[in-house]
């Protein structure tokens, strides 16, 4: 006699990022300034989330905490189901190199290095160099700069330099990309190109993106918008 059929069991995917009750203060000398006040955020795998708010409200601080760049806070952080609280420097560094890619407002490219060398630089001291050039070239192809791999930053436009920085963030093939004001140093046209690239990475490659910005144009392509208001995150529409 056959056993009765059971309904299929579905397992929800692990959220890409979970921030719980994140509090962060700065010492202003005479007093303590609380910039994050119990902020909560859950980002599902494959989401594109834009965090909006005025300059100085704590958006960048929140992003640095989510990516393991800032350890001085209270609360809990999980990325891909792995808790970051309590990790020592070695394990935190390993997490950053594999689990997340960072893109900053300042491109942070070395002027004496080519685009290709800037892309594979994070792996240069930690891996065999046998295939890193090929992987770096692939990253540049993904952002549309394969033909300019041997140019130095001074020979590239602002938008191209930011795309090199994005290629560097993609080099280790992280599942999550964190971007801090990535269009802040770009004019409207080149900023639109970079925003379009983020959209393609999310839609075509299913990459999880979290972008902090004060620009409303970024929110137009994000699947979800949250706003940082008085140290807490509130849903802000889409």
C-alpha atoms as a PDB file:
ATOM      1  CA  UNK A   1       0.000   0.000   0.000  1.00  0.00           C
ATOM      2  CA  UNK A   2       1.433   3.333  -1.046  1.00  0.00           C
ATOM      3  CA  UNK A   3       1.880   5.962   1.688  1.00  0.00           C
ATOM      4  CA  UNK A   4      -0.379   9.009   1.423  1.00  0.00           C
ATOM      5  CA  UNK A   5       0.977  11.842  -0.640  1.00  0.00           C
ATOM      6  CA  UNK A   6       2.318  14.769   1.345  1.00  0.00           C
ATOM      7  CA  UNK A   7       2.064  18.346   0.159  1.00  0.00           C
ATOM      8  CA  UNK A   8       5.335  19.695  -1.223  1.00  0.00           C
ATOM      9  CA  UNK A   9       7.525  21.464   1.276  1.00  0.00           C
ATOM     10  CA  UNK A  10       8.782  24.820   0.225  1.00  0.00           C
ATOM     11  CA  UNK A  11      11.773  26.392   1.918  1.00  0.00           C
ATOM     12  CA  UNK A  12      12.000  30.131   1.833  1.00  0.00           C
ATOM     13  CA  UNK A  13      15.400  31.341   0.609  1.00  0.00           C
ATOM     14  CA  UNK A  14      17.677  32.882   3.216  1.00  0.00           C
ATOM     15  CA  UNK A  15      17.437  36.671   3.126  1.00  0.00           C
ATOM     16  CA  UNK A  16      20.507  38.315   1.634  1.00  0.00           C
ATOM     17  CA  UNK A  17      20.778  40.881   4.444  1.00  0.00           C
ATOM     18  CA  UNK A  18      19.134  41.171   7.852  1.00  0.00           C
ATOM     19  CA  UNK A  19      19.807  44.161  10.107  1.00  0.00           C
ATOM     20  CA  UNK A  20      18.163  44.101  13.515  1.00  0.00           C
ATOM     21  CA  UNK A  21      18.000  46.983  15.971  1.00  0.00           C
ATOM     22  CA  UNK A  22      21.143  48.669  14.670  1.00  0.00           C
ATOM     23  CA  UNK A  23      22.233  51.535  16.893  1.00  0.00           C
ATOM     24  CA  UNK A  24      25.261  53.689  16.234  1.00  0.00           C
ATOM     25  CA  UNK A  25      26.568  56.714  18.128  1.00  0.00           C
ATOM     26  CA  UNK A  26      29.418  59.138  17.592  1.00  0.00           C
ATOM     27  CA  UNK A  27      31.212  61.009  20.349  1.00  0.00           C
ATOM     28  CA  UNK A  28      30.957  64.712  19.610  1.00  0.00           C
ATOM     29  CA  UNK A  29      33.340  65.618  22.398  1.00  0.00           C
ATOM     30  CA  UNK A  30      30.822  67.203  24.711  1.00  0.00           C
ATOM     31  CA  UNK A  31      28.019  64.745  23.972  1.00  0.00           C
ATOM     32  CA  UNK A  32      27.150  61.489  22.252  1.00  0.00           C
ATOM     33  CA  UNK A  33      25.327  61.836  18.917  1.00  0.00           C
ATOM     34  CA  UNK A  34      23.065  58.879  18.089  1.00  0.00           C
ATOM     35  CA  UNK A  35      22.850  58.565  14.295  1.00  0.00           C
ATOM     36  CA  UNK A  36      21.127  55.158  14.043  1.00  0.00           C
ATOM     37  CA  UNK A  37      18.370  54.384  16.515  1.00  0.00           C
ATOM     38  CA  UNK A  38      17.334  50.757  16.254  1.00  0.00           C
ATOM     39  CA  UNK A  39      17.262  50.520  12.458  1.00  0.00           C
ATOM     40  CA  UNK A  40      15.792  47.298  11.018  1.00  0.00           C
ATOM     41  CA  UNK A  41      16.077  46.090   7.434  1.00  0.00           C
ATOM     42  CA  UNK A  42      15.584  42.778   5.636  1.00  0.00           C
ATOM     43  CA  UNK A  43      16.692  42.476   2.012  1.00  0.00           C
ATOM     44  CA  UNK A  44      15.668  39.348   0.146  1.00  0.00           C
ATOM     45  CA  UNK A  45      17.971  37.673  -2.352  1.00  0.00           C
ATOM     46  CA  UNK A  46      17.594  39.294  -5.764  1.00  0.00           C
ATOM     47  CA  UNK A  47      16.089  42.536  -4.461  1.00  0.00           C
ATOM     48  CA  UNK A  48      17.153  45.996  -5.548  1.00  0.00           C
ATOM     49  CA  UNK A  49      16.756  48.293  -2.552  1.00  0.00           C
ATOM     50  CA  UNK A  50      17.446  52.020  -2.561  1.00  0.00           C
ATOM     51  CA  UNK A  51      18.003  53.731   0.789  1.00  0.00           C
ATOM     52  CA  UNK A  52      17.210  57.427   0.549  1.00  0.00           C
ATOM     53  CA  UNK A  53      17.809  60.292   2.900  1.00  0.00           C
ATOM     54  CA  UNK A  54      19.606  63.624   3.126  1.00  0.00           C
ATOM     55  CA  UNK A  55      23.369  63.899   3.442  1.00  0.00           C
ATOM     56  CA  UNK A  56      24.625  63.158   6.932  1.00  0.00           C
ATOM     57  CA  UNK A  57      21.601  61.155   8.053  1.00  0.00           C
ATOM     58  CA  UNK A  58      23.561  57.898   8.484  1.00  0.00           C
ATOM     59  CA  UNK A  59      22.968  56.101   5.184  1.00  0.00           C
ATOM     60  CA  UNK A  60      26.648  55.420   4.532  1.00  0.00           C
ATOM     61  CA  UNK A  61      27.165  54.299   8.125  1.00  0.00           C
ATOM     62  CA  UNK A  62      24.331  51.796   7.760  1.00  0.00           C
ATOM     63  CA  UNK A  63      25.803  50.443   4.528  1.00  0.00           C
ATOM     64  CA  UNK A  64      29.257  50.075   6.096  1.00  0.00           C
ATOM     65  CA  UNK A  65      27.733  48.121   8.973  1.00  0.00           C
ATOM     66  CA  UNK A  66      25.884  45.823   6.551  1.00  0.00           C
ATOM     67  CA  UNK A  67      29.121  45.146   4.671  1.00  0.00           C
ATOM     68  CA  UNK A  68      31.324  44.544   7.687  1.00  0.00           C
ATOM     69  CA  UNK A  69      33.320  47.760   7.328  1.00  0.00           C
ATOM     70  CA  UNK A  70      32.117  49.198  10.633  1.00  0.00           C
ATOM     71  CA  UNK A  71      32.209  47.044  13.761  1.00  0.00           C
ATOM     72  CA  UNK A  72      31.373  49.680  16.371  1.00  0.00           C
ATOM     73  CA  UNK A  73      27.609  49.409  16.759  1.00  0.00           C
ATOM     74  CA  UNK A  74      24.974  47.513  18.686  1.00  0.00           C
ATOM     75  CA  UNK A  75      22.499  45.137  17.086  1.00  0.00           C
ATOM     76  CA  UNK A  76      22.679  42.094  14.835  1.00  0.00           C
ATOM     77  CA  UNK A  77      23.824  41.747  11.214  1.00  0.00           C
ATOM     78  CA  UNK A  78      23.398  38.687   9.009  1.00  0.00           C
ATOM     79  CA  UNK A  79      24.473  38.435   5.380  1.00  0.00           C
ATOM     80  CA  UNK A  80      23.519  35.276   3.524  1.00  0.00           C
ATOM     81  CA  UNK A  81      22.541  33.682   6.823  1.00  0.00           C
ATOM     82  CA  UNK A  82      25.940  34.310   8.381  1.00  0.00           C
ATOM     83  CA  UNK A  83      26.162  36.498  11.468  1.00  0.00           C
ATOM     84  CA  UNK A  84      28.843  39.180  11.435  1.00  0.00           C
ATOM     85  CA  UNK A  85      28.714  40.181  15.080  1.00  0.00           C
ATOM     86  CA  UNK A  86      31.739  38.835  16.929  1.00  0.00           C
ATOM     87  CA  UNK A  87      33.807  37.876  13.879  1.00  0.00           C
ATOM     88  CA  UNK A  88      37.527  38.493  14.310  1.00  0.00           C
ATOM     89  CA  UNK A  89      39.489  40.565  11.787  1.00  0.00           C
ATOM     90  CA  UNK A  90      40.595  37.567   9.720  1.00  0.00           C
ATOM     91  CA  UNK A  91      37.135  36.102   9.318  1.00  0.00           C
ATOM     92  CA  UNK A  92      35.579  39.493   8.713  1.00  0.00           C
ATOM     93  CA  UNK A  93      38.126  40.196   5.982  1.00  0.00           C
ATOM     94  CA  UNK A  94      37.361  36.821   4.377  1.00  0.00           C
ATOM     95  CA  UNK A  95      33.655  37.640   4.494  1.00  0.00           C
ATOM     96  CA  UNK A  96      34.159  41.007   2.791  1.00  0.00           C
ATOM     97  CA  UNK A  97      36.272  39.523   0.019  1.00  0.00           C
ATOM     98  CA  UNK A  98      33.698  36.868  -0.919  1.00  0.00           C
ATOM     99  CA  UNK A  99      30.211  37.840   0.198  1.00  0.00           C
ATOM    100  CA  UNK A 100      29.861  41.500  -0.778  1.00  0.00           C
ATOM    101  CA  UNK A 101      31.141  43.926  -3.376  1.00  0.00           C
ATOM    102  CA  UNK A 102      31.510  47.629  -2.590  1.00  0.00           C
ATOM    103  CA  UNK A 103      31.117  50.650  -4.869  1.00  0.00           C
ATOM    104  CA  UNK A 104      31.844  54.102  -3.474  1.00  0.00           C
ATOM    105  CA  UNK A 105      31.246  57.687  -4.576  1.00  0.00           C
ATOM    106  CA  UNK A 106      34.996  58.199  -4.913  1.00  0.00           C
ATOM    107  CA  UNK A 107      36.172  55.690  -7.483  1.00  0.00           C
ATOM    108  CA  UNK A 108      39.262  54.744  -5.425  1.00  0.00           C
ATOM    109  CA  UNK A 109      41.259  53.690  -8.471  1.00  0.00           C
ATOM    110  CA  UNK A 110      45.055  53.700  -8.497  1.00  0.00           C
ATOM    111  CA  UNK A 111      46.118  56.203 -11.183  1.00  0.00           C
ATOM    112  CA  UNK A 112      49.276  54.355 -12.189  1.00  0.00           C
ATOM    113  CA  UNK A 113      47.473  51.074 -12.819  1.00  0.00           C
ATOM    114  CA  UNK A 114      45.444  50.082 -15.865  1.00  0.00           C
ATOM    115  CA  UNK A 115      41.725  49.400 -15.639  1.00  0.00           C
ATOM    116  CA  UNK A 116      42.471  45.667 -15.738  1.00  0.00           C
ATOM    117  CA  UNK A 117      45.023  45.931 -12.930  1.00  0.00           C
ATOM    118  CA  UNK A 118      42.658  48.000 -10.801  1.00  0.00           C
ATOM    119  CA  UNK A 119      39.989  45.338 -11.175  1.00  0.00           C
ATOM    120  CA  UNK A 120      42.116  42.390 -10.070  1.00  0.00           C
ATOM    121  CA  UNK A 121      44.098  44.301  -7.449  1.00  0.00           C
ATOM    122  CA  UNK A 122      41.980  43.042  -4.483  1.00  0.00           C
ATOM    123  CA  UNK A 123      42.983  39.453  -5.307  1.00  0.00           C
ATOM    124  CA  UNK A 124      46.591  40.119  -6.239  1.00  0.00           C
ATOM    125  CA  UNK A 125      48.062  39.390  -2.824  1.00  0.00           C
ATOM    126  CA  UNK A 126      45.711  36.596  -1.873  1.00  0.00           C
ATOM    127  CA  UNK A 127      45.477  34.266  -4.858  1.00  0.00           C
ATOM    128  CA  UNK A 128      47.463  32.642  -7.582  1.00  0.00           C
ATOM    129  CA  UNK A 129      47.748  35.068 -10.467  1.00  0.00           C
ATOM    130  CA  UNK A 130      47.162  32.298 -13.013  1.00  0.00           C
ATOM    131  CA  UNK A 131      43.618  33.294 -13.943  1.00  0.00           C
ATOM    132  CA  UNK A 132      42.967  36.643 -12.334  1.00  0.00           C
ATOM    133  CA  UNK A 133      43.678  38.611 -15.505  1.00  0.00           C
ATOM    134  CA  UNK A 134      41.109  36.577 -17.397  1.00  0.00           C
ATOM    135  CA  UNK A 135      38.548  37.028 -14.649  1.00  0.00           C
ATOM    136  CA  UNK A 136      39.264  40.749 -14.486  1.00  0.00           C
ATOM    137  CA  UNK A 137      38.735  41.001 -18.234  1.00  0.00           C
ATOM    138  CA  UNK A 138      35.401  39.217 -17.832  1.00  0.00           C
ATOM    139  CA  UNK A 139      34.382  41.752 -15.189  1.00  0.00           C
ATOM    140  CA  UNK A 140      35.239  44.627 -17.504  1.00  0.00           C
ATOM    141  CA  UNK A 141      33.234  42.985 -20.269  1.00  0.00           C
ATOM    142  CA  UNK A 142      30.234  42.819 -17.931  1.00  0.00           C
ATOM    143  CA  UNK A 143      30.306  46.606 -17.494  1.00  0.00           C
ATOM    144  CA  UNK A 144      30.994  47.329 -21.163  1.00  0.00           C
ATOM    145  CA  UNK A 145      34.671  48.280 -20.878  1.00  0.00           C
ATOM    146  CA  UNK A 146      36.388  45.221 -22.275  1.00  0.00           C
ATOM    147  CA  UNK A 147      37.994  47.270 -25.042  1.00  0.00           C
ATOM    148  CA  UNK A 148      39.505  49.764 -22.569  1.00  0.00           C
ATOM    149  CA  UNK A 149      41.162  47.332 -20.168  1.00  0.00           C
ATOM    150  CA  UNK A 150      44.664  48.750 -20.767  1.00  0.00           C
ATOM    151  CA  UNK A 151      43.759  52.389 -20.230  1.00  0.00           C
ATOM    152  CA  UNK A 152      44.625  54.138 -17.000  1.00  0.00           C
ATOM    153  CA  UNK A 153      42.018  56.062 -14.975  1.00  0.00           C
ATOM    154  CA  UNK A 154      43.253  59.417 -16.308  1.00  0.00           C
ATOM    155  CA  UNK A 155      42.387  58.238 -19.817  1.00  0.00           C
ATOM    156  CA  UNK A 156      38.792  57.401 -18.898  1.00  0.00           C
ATOM    157  CA  UNK A 157      35.694  59.523 -18.362  1.00  0.00           C
ATOM    158  CA  UNK A 158      34.063  59.795 -14.948  1.00  0.00           C
ATOM    159  CA  UNK A 159      31.383  57.291 -15.896  1.00  0.00           C
ATOM    160  CA  UNK A 160      33.996  54.873 -17.214  1.00  0.00           C
ATOM    161  CA  UNK A 161      36.033  55.162 -14.031  1.00  0.00           C
ATOM    162  CA  UNK A 162      32.957  54.323 -11.975  1.00  0.00           C
ATOM    163  CA  UNK A 163      32.286  51.330 -14.200  1.00  0.00           C
ATOM    164  CA  UNK A 164      35.846  50.133 -13.567  1.00  0.00           C
ATOM    165  CA  UNK A 165      35.110  50.445  -9.862  1.00  0.00           C
ATOM    166  CA  UNK A 166      31.943  48.393 -10.347  1.00  0.00           C
ATOM    167  CA  UNK A 167      33.900  45.775 -12.296  1.00  0.00           C
ATOM    168  CA  UNK A 168      36.335  45.572  -9.382  1.00  0.00           C
ATOM    169  CA  UNK A 169      33.405  45.043  -7.001  1.00  0.00           C
ATOM    170  CA  UNK A 170      32.121  42.244  -9.245  1.00  0.00           C
ATOM    171  CA  UNK A 171      35.512  40.560  -9.626  1.00  0.00           C
ATOM    172  CA  UNK A 172      35.086  38.091  -6.733  1.00  0.00           C
ATOM    173  CA  UNK A 173      31.534  37.317  -7.939  1.00  0.00           C
ATOM    174  CA  UNK A 174      29.791  38.356  -4.722  1.00  0.00           C
ATOM    175  CA  UNK A 175      26.062  37.671  -4.348  1.00  0.00           C
ATOM    176  CA  UNK A 176      25.469  41.142  -2.885  1.00  0.00           C
ATOM    177  CA  UNK A 177      26.544  44.536  -4.216  1.00  0.00           C
ATOM    178  CA  UNK A 178      26.553  47.550  -1.885  1.00  0.00           C
ATOM    179  CA  UNK A 179      26.895  51.018  -3.403  1.00  0.00           C
ATOM    180  CA  UNK A 180      27.436  54.265  -1.518  1.00  0.00           C
ATOM    181  CA  UNK A 181      26.339  57.341  -3.515  1.00  0.00           C
ATOM    182  CA  UNK A 182      27.687  55.759  -6.731  1.00  0.00           C
ATOM    183  CA  UNK A 183      26.456  58.608  -8.954  1.00  0.00           C
ATOM    184  CA  UNK A 184      27.445  61.431  -6.619  1.00  0.00           C
ATOM    185  CA  UNK A 185      30.506  62.450  -8.663  1.00  0.00           C
ATOM    186  CA  UNK A 186      28.855  62.050 -12.073  1.00  0.00           C
ATOM    187  CA  UNK A 187      26.898  64.372 -14.313  1.00  0.00           C
ATOM    188  CA  UNK A 188      23.343  63.519 -15.307  1.00  0.00           C
ATOM    189  CA  UNK A 189      24.210  61.640 -18.508  1.00  0.00           C
ATOM    190  CA  UNK A 190      27.024  59.487 -17.125  1.00  0.00           C
ATOM    191  CA  UNK A 191      25.073  58.928 -13.913  1.00  0.00           C
ATOM    192  CA  UNK A 192      22.200  57.580 -15.980  1.00  0.00           C
ATOM    193  CA  UNK A 193      24.567  55.104 -17.647  1.00  0.00           C
ATOM    194  CA  UNK A 194      25.737  53.787 -14.294  1.00  0.00           C
ATOM    195  CA  UNK A 195      22.169  53.537 -12.998  1.00  0.00           C
ATOM    196  CA  UNK A 196      21.236  51.578 -16.119  1.00  0.00           C
ATOM    197  CA  UNK A 197      24.122  49.201 -15.425  1.00  0.00           C
ATOM    198  CA  UNK A 198      22.859  48.569 -11.895  1.00  0.00           C
ATOM    199  CA  UNK A 199      19.410  47.864 -13.283  1.00  0.00           C
ATOM    200  CA  UNK A 200      20.824  45.321 -15.726  1.00  0.00           C
ATOM    201  CA  UNK A 201      22.844  43.555 -13.017  1.00  0.00           C
ATOM    202  CA  UNK A 202      19.702  43.192 -10.962  1.00  0.00           C
ATOM    203  CA  UNK A 203      17.250  42.233 -13.704  1.00  0.00           C
ATOM    204  CA  UNK A 204      19.464  40.129 -15.971  1.00  0.00           C
ATOM    205  CA  UNK A 205      21.886  38.634 -13.448  1.00  0.00           C
ATOM    206  CA  UNK A 206      19.576  38.545 -10.408  1.00  0.00           C
ATOM    207  CA  UNK A 207      22.182  40.261  -8.227  1.00  0.00           C
ATOM    208  CA  UNK A 208      21.097  41.670  -4.881  1.00  0.00           C
ATOM    209  CA  UNK A 209      21.718  45.420  -4.793  1.00  0.00           C
ATOM    210  CA  UNK A 210      21.522  47.908  -1.948  1.00  0.00           C
ATOM    211  CA  UNK A 211      22.275  51.494  -2.930  1.00  0.00           C
ATOM    212  CA  UNK A 212      22.318  54.448  -0.549  1.00  0.00           C
ATOM    213  CA  UNK A 213      21.733  57.770  -2.229  1.00  0.00           C
ATOM    214  CA  UNK A 214      20.127  61.172  -1.894  1.00  0.00           C
ATOM    215  CA  UNK A 215      19.095  61.091  -5.572  1.00  0.00           C
ATOM    216  CA  UNK A 216      15.486  60.333  -6.452  1.00  0.00           C
ATOM    217  CA  UNK A 217      16.474  59.114  -9.929  1.00  0.00           C
ATOM    218  CA  UNK A 218      18.035  56.010  -8.393  1.00  0.00           C
ATOM    219  CA  UNK A 219      14.771  55.192  -6.631  1.00  0.00           C
ATOM    220  CA  UNK A 220      12.930  55.119  -9.946  1.00  0.00           C
ATOM    221  CA  UNK A 221      14.631  51.882 -11.003  1.00  0.00           C
ATOM    222  CA  UNK A 222      14.818  50.216  -7.590  1.00  0.00           C
ATOM    223  CA  UNK A 223      12.303  47.534  -6.786  1.00  0.00           C
ATOM    224  CA  UNK A 224      11.941  48.888  -3.277  1.00  0.00           C
ATOM    225  CA  UNK A 225      12.671  52.178  -1.564  1.00  0.00           C
ATOM    226  CA  UNK A 226      13.286  52.760   2.137  1.00  0.00           C
ATOM    227  CA  UNK A 227      14.074  56.060   3.781  1.00  0.00           C
ATOM    228  CA  UNK A 228      16.289  56.749   6.751  1.00  0.00           C
ATOM    229  CA  UNK A 229      14.313  59.073   9.010  1.00  0.00           C
ATOM    230  CA  UNK A 230      15.642  60.096  12.414  1.00  0.00           C
ATOM    231  CA  UNK A 231      17.831  57.013  12.646  1.00  0.00           C
ATOM    232  CA  UNK A 232      15.192  54.475  11.613  1.00  0.00           C
ATOM    233  CA  UNK A 233      14.240  52.943   8.288  1.00  0.00           C
ATOM    234  CA  UNK A 234      10.724  53.397   6.940  1.00  0.00           C
ATOM    235  CA  UNK A 235       9.266  52.017   3.743  1.00  0.00           C
ATOM    236  CA  UNK A 236       9.079  54.733   1.130  1.00  0.00           C
ATOM    237  CA  UNK A 237       7.257  53.227  -1.855  1.00  0.00           C
ATOM    238  CA  UNK A 238       8.664  52.006  -5.159  1.00  0.00           C
END
